Amino acid sequence: MRDEAPQEITADLLLHAYASGVFPMAESADSDEIFWIDPKTRGLLPLDSLHVSRSLRKRIRKGGYSVRWDSAFAEVVRHCSERNETWINPEIAALYQELYRRGHAHSVELFVGELLVGGLYGVSMGGAFFGESMFSLATDASKIALVYLVARLRFGGYSLLDTQFTTDHLISLGALEISRADYHRQLRSALQLPARYWALEQTDDPQAVLQLSTQMS
């Protein structure tokens, strides 16, 4: 289901939309129209069943990169908006920048040296994290960022990682589809949780991140 959004969307309205289970999308980066989306089936990445392949584990353990948090939010959104198929127009990008200033939006960034090679961003409310978009300029960069995000969410007491839709990329990591009704039920529960995004301190130990993201109960 999609409805045309009002002419002016504020950051407060956007937060209310997320809490109600809907999210905004534009037709393309150049489109002036924004729609509210509430799909019949919703993509989720269960936090207790992240699938990290043997090759991805090996890549993470090998290192050669650094993971940073909220250090290049605008750049991550820009890279995501430059993908071939994007729903992020300038108005949507500006709205997420405002949520970032308010502490509701976060980015995970993968660097090789000082070069940003991948990452993702999303919105945090209660114990729910709404993953918005990701990008990769190097092999597995966005997957590594997602593994680090899951470790942080699990440690911080989150229960819901919303991917909106599923892709082959996300399915390979354990994403699945659930009904709209089931999603809204899980969302209501997650929003009540006193989760803490910054509970986990910065860690540069890949093995610790793998344990946190795949084994912690």
N, C-alpha and C. Protein backbone atom coordinates (compact mmCIF):
# COMPACT_ATOMS: atom_id res chain seq x y z
N MET A 1 0.84 -1.19 0.00
CA MET A 1 0.00 0.00 0.00
C MET A 1 0.88 1.24 0.00
N ARG A 2 0.51 2.24 -0.81
CA ARG A 2 1.24 3.49 -0.78
C ARG A 2 0.27 4.65 -0.93
N ASP A 3 0.53 5.71 -0.20
CA ASP A 3 -0.28 6.92 -0.26
C ASP A 3 0.64 8.09 -0.51
N GLU A 4 0.15 9.07 -1.28
CA GLU A 4 0.97 10.24 -1.53
C GLU A 4 1.13 11.03 -0.24
N ALA A 5 2.35 11.43 0.03
CA ALA A 5 2.65 12.16 1.26
C ALA A 5 2.17 13.59 1.14
N PRO A 6 1.93 14.24 2.30
CA PRO A 6 1.56 15.66 2.26
C PRO A 6 2.68 16.49 1.65
N GLN A 7 2.34 17.71 1.25
CA GLN A 7 3.32 18.54 0.56
C GLN A 7 4.55 18.81 1.42
N GLU A 8 4.36 18.97 2.71
CA GLU A 8 5.50 19.24 3.59
C GLU A 8 5.63 18.11 4.60
N ILE A 9 6.79 17.48 4.62
CA ILE A 9 7.07 16.44 5.61
C ILE A 9 8.11 17.00 6.57
N THR A 10 7.81 16.93 7.85
CA THR A 10 8.74 17.39 8.87
C THR A 10 9.41 16.19 9.52
N ALA A 11 10.48 16.45 10.26
CA ALA A 11 11.16 15.37 10.97
C ALA A 11 10.22 14.72 11.99
N ASP A 12 9.41 15.52 12.67
CA ASP A 12 8.46 14.97 13.65
C ASP A 12 7.44 14.06 12.97
N LEU A 13 6.94 14.48 11.81
CA LEU A 13 5.99 13.66 11.07
C LEU A 13 6.65 12.36 10.63
N LEU A 14 7.90 12.44 10.22
CA LEU A 14 8.62 11.24 9.79
C LEU A 14 8.77 10.25 10.94
N LEU A 15 9.10 10.73 12.13
CA LEU A 15 9.20 9.84 13.29
C LEU A 15 7.85 9.21 13.61
N HIS A 16 6.80 9.99 13.52
CA HIS A 16 5.45 9.45 13.77
C HIS A 16 5.12 8.37 12.74
N ALA A 17 5.52 8.58 11.50
CA ALA A 17 5.27 7.58 10.45
C ALA A 17 5.98 6.28 10.78
N TYR A 18 7.24 6.35 11.17
CA TYR A 18 7.97 5.14 11.51
C TYR A 18 7.29 4.40 12.67
N ALA A 19 6.88 5.15 13.67
CA ALA A 19 6.22 4.53 14.82
C ALA A 19 4.88 3.89 14.42
N SER A 20 4.31 4.34 13.31
CA SER A 20 3.04 3.80 12.82
C SER A 20 3.25 2.68 11.79
N GLY A 21 4.51 2.42 11.46
CA GLY A 21 4.81 1.31 10.56
C GLY A 21 4.91 1.67 9.10
N VAL A 22 5.02 2.94 8.75
CA VAL A 22 5.14 3.33 7.35
C VAL A 22 6.43 4.11 7.15
N PHE A 23 6.88 4.18 5.90
CA PHE A 23 8.13 4.88 5.60
C PHE A 23 8.00 5.59 4.26
N PRO A 24 8.82 6.61 4.02
CA PRO A 24 8.69 7.39 2.78
C PRO A 24 9.60 6.87 1.67
N MET A 25 9.14 7.03 0.44
CA MET A 25 9.95 6.71 -0.73
C MET A 25 9.59 7.68 -1.85
N ALA A 26 10.58 8.07 -2.63
CA ALA A 26 10.34 8.79 -3.87
C ALA A 26 10.48 7.82 -5.03
N GLU A 27 9.93 8.19 -6.17
CA GLU A 27 10.04 7.33 -7.35
C GLU A 27 11.48 7.20 -7.81
N SER A 28 12.25 8.28 -7.65
CA SER A 28 13.65 8.28 -8.06
C SER A 28 14.34 9.45 -7.39
N ALA A 29 15.64 9.56 -7.62
CA ALA A 29 16.39 10.66 -7.02
C ALA A 29 15.94 12.02 -7.55
N ASP A 30 15.35 12.05 -8.75
CA ASP A 30 14.94 13.31 -9.37
C ASP A 30 13.46 13.62 -9.17
N SER A 31 12.73 12.71 -8.55
CA SER A 31 11.29 12.90 -8.41
C SER A 31 10.96 13.86 -7.27
N ASP A 32 9.94 14.68 -7.49
CA ASP A 32 9.48 15.60 -6.44
C ASP A 32 8.40 14.96 -5.57
N GLU A 33 7.85 13.84 -6.01
CA GLU A 33 6.76 13.20 -5.27
C GLU A 33 7.31 12.20 -4.25
N ILE A 34 6.72 12.21 -3.06
CA ILE A 34 7.09 11.27 -2.00
C ILE A 34 5.83 10.52 -1.58
N PHE A 35 5.98 9.23 -1.39
CA PHE A 35 4.85 8.39 -1.02
C PHE A 35 5.12 7.71 0.32
N TRP A 36 4.06 7.49 1.08
CA TRP A 36 4.16 6.67 2.29
C TRP A 36 3.94 5.22 1.90
N ILE A 37 4.81 4.34 2.36
CA ILE A 37 4.76 2.93 1.99
C ILE A 37 4.45 2.08 3.21
N ASP A 38 3.47 1.20 3.07
CA ASP A 38 3.14 0.22 4.11
C ASP A 38 2.90 -1.12 3.40
N PRO A 39 3.97 -1.84 3.05
CA PRO A 39 3.83 -3.02 2.19
C PRO A 39 3.07 -4.16 2.86
N LYS A 40 2.48 -5.01 2.04
CA LYS A 40 1.74 -6.17 2.55
C LYS A 40 2.67 -7.14 3.27
N THR A 41 3.87 -7.28 2.76
CA THR A 41 4.88 -8.10 3.44
C THR A 41 6.08 -7.22 3.73
N ARG A 42 6.71 -7.45 4.88
CA ARG A 42 7.80 -6.59 5.32
C ARG A 42 9.07 -7.40 5.49
N GLY A 43 10.19 -6.83 5.08
CA GLY A 43 11.47 -7.49 5.25
C GLY A 43 12.04 -7.23 6.63
N LEU A 44 12.51 -8.29 7.27
CA LEU A 44 13.16 -8.19 8.57
C LEU A 44 14.44 -9.01 8.55
N LEU A 45 15.41 -8.58 9.34
CA LEU A 45 16.60 -9.39 9.57
C LEU A 45 16.57 -9.78 11.05
N PRO A 46 16.16 -11.02 11.36
CA PRO A 46 16.07 -11.42 12.78
C PRO A 46 17.43 -11.28 13.46
N LEU A 47 17.45 -10.59 14.57
CA LEU A 47 18.71 -10.32 15.24
C LEU A 47 19.32 -11.56 15.88
N ASP A 48 18.52 -12.59 16.08
CA ASP A 48 19.05 -13.81 16.71
C ASP A 48 19.43 -14.88 15.70
N SER A 49 19.38 -14.55 14.40
CA SER A 49 19.72 -15.58 13.41
C SER A 49 20.42 -14.97 12.20
N LEU A 50 21.32 -14.04 12.45
CA LEU A 50 22.14 -13.51 11.37
C LEU A 50 23.00 -14.62 10.79
N HIS A 51 23.00 -14.73 9.46
CA HIS A 51 23.81 -15.75 8.80
C HIS A 51 25.07 -15.10 8.24
N VAL A 52 26.21 -15.47 8.77
CA VAL A 52 27.48 -14.96 8.29
C VAL A 52 28.22 -16.13 7.65
N SER A 53 28.37 -16.09 6.35
CA SER A 53 29.00 -17.20 5.63
C SER A 53 30.45 -17.37 6.03
N ARG A 54 30.98 -18.53 5.71
CA ARG A 54 32.38 -18.80 6.03
C ARG A 54 33.30 -17.79 5.36
N SER A 55 32.98 -17.46 4.11
CA SER A 55 33.84 -16.51 3.39
C SER A 55 33.76 -15.11 3.99
N LEU A 56 32.55 -14.72 4.45
CA LEU A 56 32.41 -13.40 5.06
C LEU A 56 33.10 -13.35 6.42
N ARG A 57 33.01 -14.44 7.19
CA ARG A 57 33.75 -14.50 8.45
C ARG A 57 35.25 -14.33 8.21
N LYS A 58 35.74 -15.02 7.19
CA LYS A 58 37.16 -14.94 6.87
C LYS A 58 37.54 -13.51 6.50
N ARG A 59 36.68 -12.87 5.70
CA ARG A 59 36.95 -11.49 5.29
C ARG A 59 36.96 -10.55 6.50
N ILE A 60 36.03 -10.74 7.43
CA ILE A 60 35.97 -9.88 8.61
C ILE A 60 37.20 -10.08 9.48
N ARG A 61 37.59 -11.34 9.70
CA ARG A 61 38.76 -11.63 10.53
C ARG A 61 40.04 -11.09 9.90
N LYS A 62 40.09 -11.08 8.58
CA LYS A 62 41.30 -10.61 7.89
C LYS A 62 41.57 -9.14 8.18
N GLY A 63 40.52 -8.35 8.39
CA GLY A 63 40.69 -6.94 8.72
C GLY A 63 41.14 -6.13 7.52
N GLY A 64 41.96 -5.12 7.79
CA GLY A 64 42.38 -4.22 6.73
C GLY A 64 41.43 -3.07 6.53
N TYR A 65 40.49 -2.89 7.43
CA TYR A 65 39.49 -1.84 7.36
C TYR A 65 39.24 -1.30 8.76
N SER A 66 38.55 -0.21 8.86
CA SER A 66 38.08 0.29 10.14
C SER A 66 36.59 0.61 10.02
N VAL A 67 35.87 0.39 11.11
CA VAL A 67 34.44 0.68 11.14
C VAL A 67 34.23 1.89 12.04
N ARG A 68 33.50 2.86 11.52
CA ARG A 68 33.20 4.07 12.28
C ARG A 68 31.70 4.27 12.34
N TRP A 69 31.28 5.07 13.30
CA TRP A 69 29.87 5.27 13.57
C TRP A 69 29.55 6.76 13.55
N ASP A 70 28.58 7.14 12.73
CA ASP A 70 28.09 8.53 12.70
C ASP A 70 29.19 9.54 12.40
N SER A 71 30.25 9.12 11.71
CA SER A 71 31.33 10.05 11.41
C SER A 71 31.21 10.63 10.00
N ALA A 72 30.38 10.02 9.17
CA ALA A 72 30.25 10.47 7.78
C ALA A 72 28.82 10.24 7.30
N PHE A 73 27.86 10.66 8.11
CA PHE A 73 26.45 10.36 7.82
C PHE A 73 26.03 10.92 6.46
N ALA A 74 26.31 12.18 6.21
CA ALA A 74 25.89 12.80 4.95
C ALA A 74 26.50 12.09 3.76
N GLU A 75 27.77 11.67 3.90
CA GLU A 75 28.43 10.98 2.79
C GLU A 75 27.80 9.63 2.52
N VAL A 76 27.41 8.93 3.57
CA VAL A 76 26.75 7.63 3.39
C VAL A 76 25.42 7.82 2.66
N VAL A 77 24.62 8.79 3.09
CA VAL A 77 23.34 9.05 2.42
C VAL A 77 23.58 9.43 0.96
N ARG A 78 24.59 10.24 0.70
CA ARG A 78 24.89 10.65 -0.68
C ARG A 78 25.23 9.43 -1.54
N HIS A 79 26.09 8.56 -1.03
CA HIS A 79 26.45 7.37 -1.80
C HIS A 79 25.22 6.50 -2.05
N CYS A 80 24.38 6.35 -1.06
CA CYS A 80 23.16 5.55 -1.23
C CYS A 80 22.25 6.17 -2.29
N SER A 81 22.18 7.50 -2.32
CA SER A 81 21.31 8.18 -3.28
C SER A 81 21.84 8.12 -4.69
N GLU A 82 23.11 7.77 -4.85
CA GLU A 82 23.73 7.71 -6.17
C GLU A 82 23.68 6.31 -6.78
N ARG A 83 23.06 5.37 -6.07
CA ARG A 83 22.91 4.04 -6.64
C ARG A 83 21.98 4.08 -7.84
N ASN A 84 22.08 3.10 -8.73
CA ASN A 84 21.27 3.10 -9.95
C ASN A 84 19.78 3.14 -9.65
N GLU A 85 19.35 2.34 -8.71
CA GLU A 85 17.94 2.33 -8.32
C GLU A 85 17.83 2.88 -6.91
N THR A 86 17.42 4.12 -6.81
CA THR A 86 17.32 4.75 -5.49
C THR A 86 15.98 5.43 -5.33
N TRP A 87 15.56 5.54 -4.09
CA TRP A 87 14.30 6.22 -3.77
C TRP A 87 14.59 7.48 -2.95
N ILE A 88 15.85 7.87 -2.86
CA ILE A 88 16.26 8.98 -2.00
C ILE A 88 16.40 10.24 -2.84
N ASN A 89 15.44 11.14 -2.72
CA ASN A 89 15.55 12.43 -3.39
C ASN A 89 16.10 13.47 -2.41
N PRO A 90 16.38 14.69 -2.85
CA PRO A 90 16.98 15.68 -1.94
C PRO A 90 16.16 15.95 -0.69
N GLU A 91 14.84 15.97 -0.80
CA GLU A 91 14.00 16.24 0.37
C GLU A 91 14.14 15.12 1.40
N ILE A 92 14.12 13.88 0.94
CA ILE A 92 14.27 12.76 1.86
C ILE A 92 15.66 12.78 2.50
N ALA A 93 16.69 13.07 1.72
CA ALA A 93 18.05 13.14 2.26
C ALA A 93 18.13 14.21 3.35
N ALA A 94 17.49 15.36 3.14
CA ALA A 94 17.52 16.44 4.13
C ALA A 94 16.77 16.04 5.40
N LEU A 95 15.69 15.30 5.26
CA LEU A 95 14.93 14.85 6.43
C LEU A 95 15.77 13.91 7.29
N TYR A 96 16.50 12.99 6.66
CA TYR A 96 17.33 12.08 7.44
C TYR A 96 18.49 12.82 8.09
N GLN A 97 18.98 13.85 7.44
CA GLN A 97 20.03 14.66 8.04
C GLN A 97 19.51 15.33 9.32
N GLU A 98 18.25 15.77 9.29
CA GLU A 98 17.66 16.36 10.50
C GLU A 98 17.49 15.32 11.59
N LEU A 99 17.06 14.11 11.22
CA LEU A 99 16.95 13.05 12.22
C LEU A 99 18.33 12.71 12.81
N TYR A 100 19.35 12.76 11.98
CA TYR A 100 20.72 12.53 12.45
C TYR A 100 21.12 13.60 13.47
N ARG A 101 20.81 14.85 13.18
CA ARG A 101 21.13 15.93 14.13
C ARG A 101 20.41 15.73 15.45
N ARG A 102 19.24 15.13 15.40
CA ARG A 102 18.44 14.90 16.62
C ARG A 102 18.85 13.62 17.35
N GLY A 103 19.73 12.82 16.75
CA GLY A 103 20.17 11.58 17.37
C GLY A 103 19.30 10.38 17.07
N HIS A 104 18.39 10.50 16.10
CA HIS A 104 17.50 9.39 15.75
C HIS A 104 18.01 8.58 14.55
N ALA A 105 18.89 9.16 13.75
CA ALA A 105 19.41 8.46 12.58
C ALA A 105 20.91 8.22 12.78
N HIS A 106 21.36 7.09 12.30
CA HIS A 106 22.76 6.69 12.50
C HIS A 106 23.32 6.08 11.22
N SER A 107 24.64 6.18 11.08
CA SER A 107 25.31 5.53 9.96
C SER A 107 26.43 4.64 10.48
N VAL A 108 26.68 3.59 9.74
CA VAL A 108 27.82 2.70 9.97
C VAL A 108 28.69 2.82 8.73
N GLU A 109 29.98 3.11 8.94
CA GLU A 109 30.85 3.42 7.81
C GLU A 109 32.07 2.50 7.81
N LEU A 110 32.39 1.97 6.66
CA LEU A 110 33.57 1.12 6.51
C LEU A 110 34.63 1.90 5.74
N PHE A 111 35.80 2.03 6.36
CA PHE A 111 36.91 2.77 5.75
C PHE A 111 38.09 1.84 5.49
N VAL A 112 38.76 2.07 4.41
CA VAL A 112 40.09 1.51 4.17
C VAL A 112 41.03 2.70 4.15
N GLY A 113 41.85 2.80 5.17
CA GLY A 113 42.60 4.04 5.36
C GLY A 113 41.63 5.16 5.63
N GLU A 114 41.66 6.22 4.83
CA GLU A 114 40.71 7.32 4.96
C GLU A 114 39.68 7.32 3.84
N LEU A 115 39.58 6.20 3.12
CA LEU A 115 38.64 6.10 2.02
C LEU A 115 37.37 5.37 2.46
N LEU A 116 36.24 6.01 2.31
CA LEU A 116 34.95 5.41 2.63
C LEU A 116 34.58 4.43 1.52
N VAL A 117 34.47 3.14 1.85
CA VAL A 117 34.23 2.13 0.82
C VAL A 117 32.88 1.43 0.96
N GLY A 118 32.13 1.74 2.01
CA GLY A 118 30.83 1.12 2.16
C GLY A 118 30.18 1.56 3.45
N GLY A 119 28.90 1.25 3.56
CA GLY A 119 28.20 1.61 4.79
C GLY A 119 26.70 1.51 4.64
N LEU A 120 26.03 1.94 5.68
CA LEU A 120 24.57 1.92 5.70
C LEU A 120 24.09 3.00 6.66
N TYR A 121 22.80 3.30 6.59
CA TYR A 121 22.22 4.22 7.57
C TYR A 121 20.79 3.81 7.86
N GLY A 122 20.27 4.29 8.98
CA GLY A 122 18.91 3.97 9.36
C GLY A 122 18.45 4.81 10.51
N VAL A 123 17.27 4.51 10.99
CA VAL A 123 16.60 5.28 12.04
C VAL A 123 16.38 4.39 13.25
N SER A 124 16.64 4.95 14.43
CA SER A 124 16.50 4.20 15.68
C SER A 124 15.39 4.81 16.53
N MET A 125 14.49 3.94 16.99
CA MET A 125 13.42 4.35 17.91
C MET A 125 13.16 3.20 18.87
N GLY A 126 13.28 3.44 20.16
CA GLY A 126 13.07 2.37 21.13
C GLY A 126 14.00 1.21 20.81
N GLY A 127 13.42 0.01 20.72
CA GLY A 127 14.21 -1.17 20.39
C GLY A 127 14.07 -1.57 18.94
N ALA A 128 13.73 -0.61 18.08
CA ALA A 128 13.59 -0.86 16.64
C ALA A 128 14.62 -0.05 15.88
N PHE A 129 15.25 -0.70 14.90
CA PHE A 129 16.14 0.01 14.00
C PHE A 129 15.62 -0.21 12.59
N PHE A 130 15.36 0.89 11.89
CA PHE A 130 14.81 0.85 10.55
C PHE A 130 15.95 1.07 9.55
N GLY A 131 16.44 -0.01 8.97
CA GLY A 131 17.51 0.11 8.00
C GLY A 131 17.00 0.74 6.72
N GLU A 132 17.64 1.79 6.27
CA GLU A 132 17.15 2.54 5.13
C GLU A 132 17.85 2.17 3.82
N SER A 133 19.15 2.24 3.80
CA SER A 133 19.87 1.95 2.56
C SER A 133 21.32 1.64 2.88
N MET A 134 21.98 0.98 1.94
CA MET A 134 23.39 0.65 2.11
C MET A 134 24.09 0.75 0.76
N PHE A 135 25.41 0.82 0.78
CA PHE A 135 26.16 0.87 -0.46
C PHE A 135 27.50 0.19 -0.26
N SER A 136 28.11 -0.24 -1.36
CA SER A 136 29.43 -0.89 -1.34
C SER A 136 30.25 -0.38 -2.51
N LEU A 137 31.46 0.03 -2.21
CA LEU A 137 32.44 0.35 -3.25
C LEU A 137 33.58 -0.66 -3.22
N ALA A 138 33.48 -1.64 -2.33
CA ALA A 138 34.47 -2.71 -2.21
C ALA A 138 33.73 -3.99 -1.85
N THR A 139 34.29 -5.13 -2.19
CA THR A 139 33.64 -6.41 -1.96
C THR A 139 33.25 -6.58 -0.49
N ASP A 140 31.97 -6.91 -0.26
CA ASP A 140 31.43 -7.23 1.06
C ASP A 140 31.39 -6.04 2.02
N ALA A 141 31.64 -4.83 1.55
CA ALA A 141 31.72 -3.69 2.46
C ALA A 141 30.41 -3.46 3.22
N SER A 142 29.28 -3.48 2.51
CA SER A 142 28.01 -3.24 3.20
C SER A 142 27.64 -4.42 4.10
N LYS A 143 28.02 -5.63 3.71
CA LYS A 143 27.75 -6.79 4.56
C LYS A 143 28.53 -6.69 5.87
N ILE A 144 29.78 -6.26 5.80
CA ILE A 144 30.58 -6.10 7.01
C ILE A 144 29.95 -5.04 7.92
N ALA A 145 29.53 -3.93 7.32
CA ALA A 145 28.88 -2.89 8.10
C ALA A 145 27.63 -3.42 8.80
N LEU A 146 26.88 -4.28 8.10
CA LEU A 146 25.66 -4.82 8.68
C LEU A 146 25.97 -5.77 9.84
N VAL A 147 27.02 -6.56 9.73
CA VAL A 147 27.41 -7.45 10.83
C VAL A 147 27.76 -6.62 12.07
N TYR A 148 28.49 -5.54 11.87
CA TYR A 148 28.83 -4.66 13.00
C TYR A 148 27.58 -4.02 13.58
N LEU A 149 26.63 -3.63 12.73
CA LEU A 149 25.39 -3.05 13.23
C LEU A 149 24.63 -4.05 14.09
N VAL A 150 24.50 -5.29 13.61
CA VAL A 150 23.76 -6.31 14.36
C VAL A 150 24.40 -6.52 15.73
N ALA A 151 25.72 -6.55 15.80
CA ALA A 151 26.39 -6.69 17.10
C ALA A 151 25.98 -5.56 18.04
N ARG A 152 25.96 -4.34 17.53
CA ARG A 152 25.58 -3.19 18.35
C ARG A 152 24.12 -3.28 18.80
N LEU A 153 23.25 -3.65 17.89
CA LEU A 153 21.82 -3.73 18.23
C LEU A 153 21.56 -4.82 19.27
N ARG A 154 22.18 -5.96 19.09
CA ARG A 154 21.96 -7.05 20.05
C ARG A 154 22.48 -6.66 21.43
N PHE A 155 23.66 -6.08 21.47
CA PHE A 155 24.24 -5.66 22.75
C PHE A 155 23.39 -4.59 23.41
N GLY A 156 22.79 -3.72 22.60
CA GLY A 156 22.00 -2.62 23.14
C GLY A 156 20.57 -2.95 23.49
N GLY A 157 20.14 -4.20 23.27
CA GLY A 157 18.80 -4.61 23.68
C GLY A 157 17.71 -4.38 22.65
N TYR A 158 18.06 -4.28 21.38
CA TYR A 158 17.05 -4.12 20.33
C TYR A 158 16.40 -5.47 20.02
N SER A 159 15.19 -5.41 19.47
CA SER A 159 14.51 -6.65 19.08
C SER A 159 14.10 -6.67 17.62
N LEU A 160 14.21 -5.53 16.92
CA LEU A 160 13.69 -5.44 15.55
C LEU A 160 14.68 -4.71 14.65
N LEU A 161 15.07 -5.37 13.55
CA LEU A 161 15.86 -4.74 12.50
C LEU A 161 15.04 -4.83 11.22
N ASP A 162 14.42 -3.72 10.86
CA ASP A 162 13.52 -3.64 9.71
C ASP A 162 14.34 -3.35 8.46
N THR A 163 14.22 -4.21 7.45
CA THR A 163 14.90 -3.98 6.17
C THR A 163 13.93 -3.50 5.10
N GLN A 164 12.68 -3.29 5.47
CA GLN A 164 11.61 -2.82 4.58
C GLN A 164 11.26 -3.87 3.52
N PHE A 165 12.18 -4.17 2.65
CA PHE A 165 11.98 -5.22 1.65
C PHE A 165 13.13 -6.23 1.77
N THR A 166 13.04 -7.31 1.03
CA THR A 166 14.14 -8.27 1.00
C THR A 166 14.79 -8.23 -0.38
N THR A 167 16.08 -8.49 -0.40
CA THR A 167 16.85 -8.64 -1.64
C THR A 167 17.67 -9.92 -1.50
N ASP A 168 18.22 -10.38 -2.59
CA ASP A 168 19.10 -11.56 -2.52
C ASP A 168 20.26 -11.30 -1.56
N HIS A 169 20.76 -10.08 -1.60
CA HIS A 169 21.86 -9.66 -0.72
C HIS A 169 21.47 -9.86 0.75
N LEU A 170 20.26 -9.40 1.13
CA LEU A 170 19.81 -9.50 2.51
C LEU A 170 19.39 -10.92 2.87
N ILE A 171 18.77 -11.62 1.92
CA ILE A 171 18.35 -12.99 2.19
C ILE A 171 19.56 -13.86 2.51
N SER A 172 20.68 -13.60 1.85
CA SER A 172 21.89 -14.38 2.11
C SER A 172 22.38 -14.19 3.55
N LEU A 173 21.95 -13.12 4.19
CA LEU A 173 22.33 -12.84 5.57
C LEU A 173 21.25 -13.27 6.57
N GLY A 174 20.15 -13.83 6.07
CA GLY A 174 19.11 -14.34 6.95
C GLY A 174 17.82 -13.55 6.95
N ALA A 175 17.69 -12.53 6.08
CA ALA A 175 16.47 -11.74 6.06
C ALA A 175 15.29 -12.59 5.60
N LEU A 176 14.11 -12.23 6.08
CA LEU A 176 12.90 -12.94 5.71
C LEU A 176 11.74 -11.95 5.60
N GLU A 177 10.63 -12.43 5.05
CA GLU A 177 9.43 -11.60 4.92
C GLU A 177 8.38 -12.06 5.91
N ILE A 178 7.71 -11.08 6.51
CA ILE A 178 6.59 -11.38 7.39
C ILE A 178 5.39 -10.55 6.95
N SER A 179 4.22 -10.89 7.44
CA SER A 179 3.02 -10.17 7.05
C SER A 179 2.99 -8.78 7.68
N ARG A 180 2.19 -7.91 7.09
CA ARG A 180 2.03 -6.55 7.63
C ARG A 180 1.55 -6.61 9.07
N ALA A 181 0.58 -7.47 9.37
CA ALA A 181 0.04 -7.56 10.72
C ALA A 181 1.10 -8.01 11.72
N ASP A 182 1.90 -9.00 11.33
CA ASP A 182 2.96 -9.49 12.22
C ASP A 182 4.01 -8.41 12.43
N TYR A 183 4.32 -7.67 11.37
CA TYR A 183 5.30 -6.60 11.51
C TYR A 183 4.81 -5.53 12.50
N HIS A 184 3.58 -5.11 12.35
CA HIS A 184 3.05 -4.08 13.25
C HIS A 184 3.04 -4.57 14.70
N ARG A 185 2.76 -5.86 14.89
CA ARG A 185 2.79 -6.41 16.25
C ARG A 185 4.19 -6.35 16.82
N GLN A 186 5.18 -6.79 16.03
CA GLN A 186 6.56 -6.75 16.51
C GLN A 186 7.04 -5.33 16.72
N LEU A 187 6.61 -4.41 15.87
CA LEU A 187 7.00 -3.01 16.00
C LEU A 187 6.48 -2.43 17.30
N ARG A 188 5.23 -2.67 17.62
CA ARG A 188 4.67 -2.14 18.87
C ARG A 188 5.47 -2.61 20.07
N SER A 189 5.85 -3.87 20.08
CA SER A 189 6.64 -4.40 21.20
C SER A 189 8.03 -3.77 21.24
N ALA A 190 8.65 -3.64 20.07
CA ALA A 190 10.02 -3.11 20.02
C ALA A 190 10.07 -1.67 20.49
N LEU A 191 9.07 -0.88 20.15
CA LEU A 191 9.08 0.54 20.51
C LEU A 191 9.01 0.76 22.02
N GLN A 192 8.56 -0.24 22.75
CA GLN A 192 8.46 -0.11 24.21
C GLN A 192 9.77 -0.43 24.92
N LEU A 193 10.75 -0.95 24.22
CA LEU A 193 11.99 -1.38 24.85
C LEU A 193 12.92 -0.20 25.13
N PRO A 194 13.60 -0.23 26.28
CA PRO A 194 14.57 0.84 26.61
C PRO A 194 15.95 0.53 26.03
N ALA A 195 16.00 0.30 24.72
CA ALA A 195 17.26 -0.08 24.09
C ALA A 195 18.23 1.11 24.06
N ARG A 196 19.52 0.80 23.97
CA ARG A 196 20.54 1.86 23.97
C ARG A 196 21.49 1.62 22.80
N TYR A 197 21.43 2.49 21.83
CA TYR A 197 22.26 2.33 20.63
C TYR A 197 23.74 2.41 20.95
N TRP A 198 24.13 3.25 21.90
CA TRP A 198 25.54 3.47 22.21
C TRP A 198 26.02 2.63 23.39
N ALA A 199 25.26 1.59 23.76
CA ALA A 199 25.68 0.76 24.90
C ALA A 199 27.00 0.06 24.64
N LEU A 200 27.21 -0.35 23.39
CA LEU A 200 28.45 -1.03 23.04
C LEU A 200 29.52 -0.01 22.70
N GLU A 201 30.64 -0.09 23.40
CA GLU A 201 31.75 0.80 23.10
C GLU A 201 32.41 0.38 21.79
N GLN A 202 33.16 1.29 21.22
CA GLN A 202 33.88 0.98 19.98
C GLN A 202 34.77 -0.24 20.19
N THR A 203 34.68 -1.20 19.26
CA THR A 203 35.55 -2.36 19.33
C THR A 203 36.22 -2.55 17.98
N ASP A 204 37.51 -2.81 18.00
CA ASP A 204 38.26 -3.07 16.78
C ASP A 204 38.64 -4.55 16.68
N ASP A 205 37.97 -5.38 17.49
CA ASP A 205 38.25 -6.81 17.51
C ASP A 205 37.22 -7.53 16.66
N PRO A 206 37.56 -7.94 15.43
CA PRO A 206 36.58 -8.59 14.56
C PRO A 206 35.97 -9.85 15.18
N GLN A 207 36.76 -10.63 15.92
CA GLN A 207 36.24 -11.86 16.50
C GLN A 207 35.16 -11.54 17.54
N ALA A 208 35.38 -10.49 18.33
CA ALA A 208 34.38 -10.09 19.31
C ALA A 208 33.08 -9.66 18.63
N VAL A 209 33.20 -8.96 17.51
CA VAL A 209 32.01 -8.54 16.77
C VAL A 209 31.26 -9.74 16.22
N LEU A 210 31.98 -10.72 15.69
CA LEU A 210 31.33 -11.93 15.18
C LEU A 210 30.60 -12.67 16.29
N GLN A 211 31.20 -12.75 17.46
CA GLN A 211 30.55 -13.41 18.58
C GLN A 211 29.30 -12.66 19.02
N LEU A 212 29.38 -11.35 19.08
CA LEU A 212 28.24 -10.55 19.49
C LEU A 212 27.09 -10.64 18.49
N SER A 213 27.41 -10.69 17.21
CA SER A 213 26.37 -10.64 16.19
C SER A 213 25.74 -11.99 15.92
N THR A 214 26.40 -13.09 16.29
CA THR A 214 25.88 -14.40 15.90
C THR A 214 25.65 -15.36 17.06
N GLN A 215 26.18 -15.08 18.25
CA GLN A 215 26.09 -16.08 19.33
C GLN A 215 25.44 -15.56 20.59
N MET A 216 25.42 -14.26 20.79
CA MET A 216 24.91 -13.71 22.04
C MET A 216 23.44 -14.02 22.19
N SER A 217 23.03 -14.45 23.37
CA SER A 217 21.62 -14.81 23.60
C SER A 217 20.91 -13.73 24.38
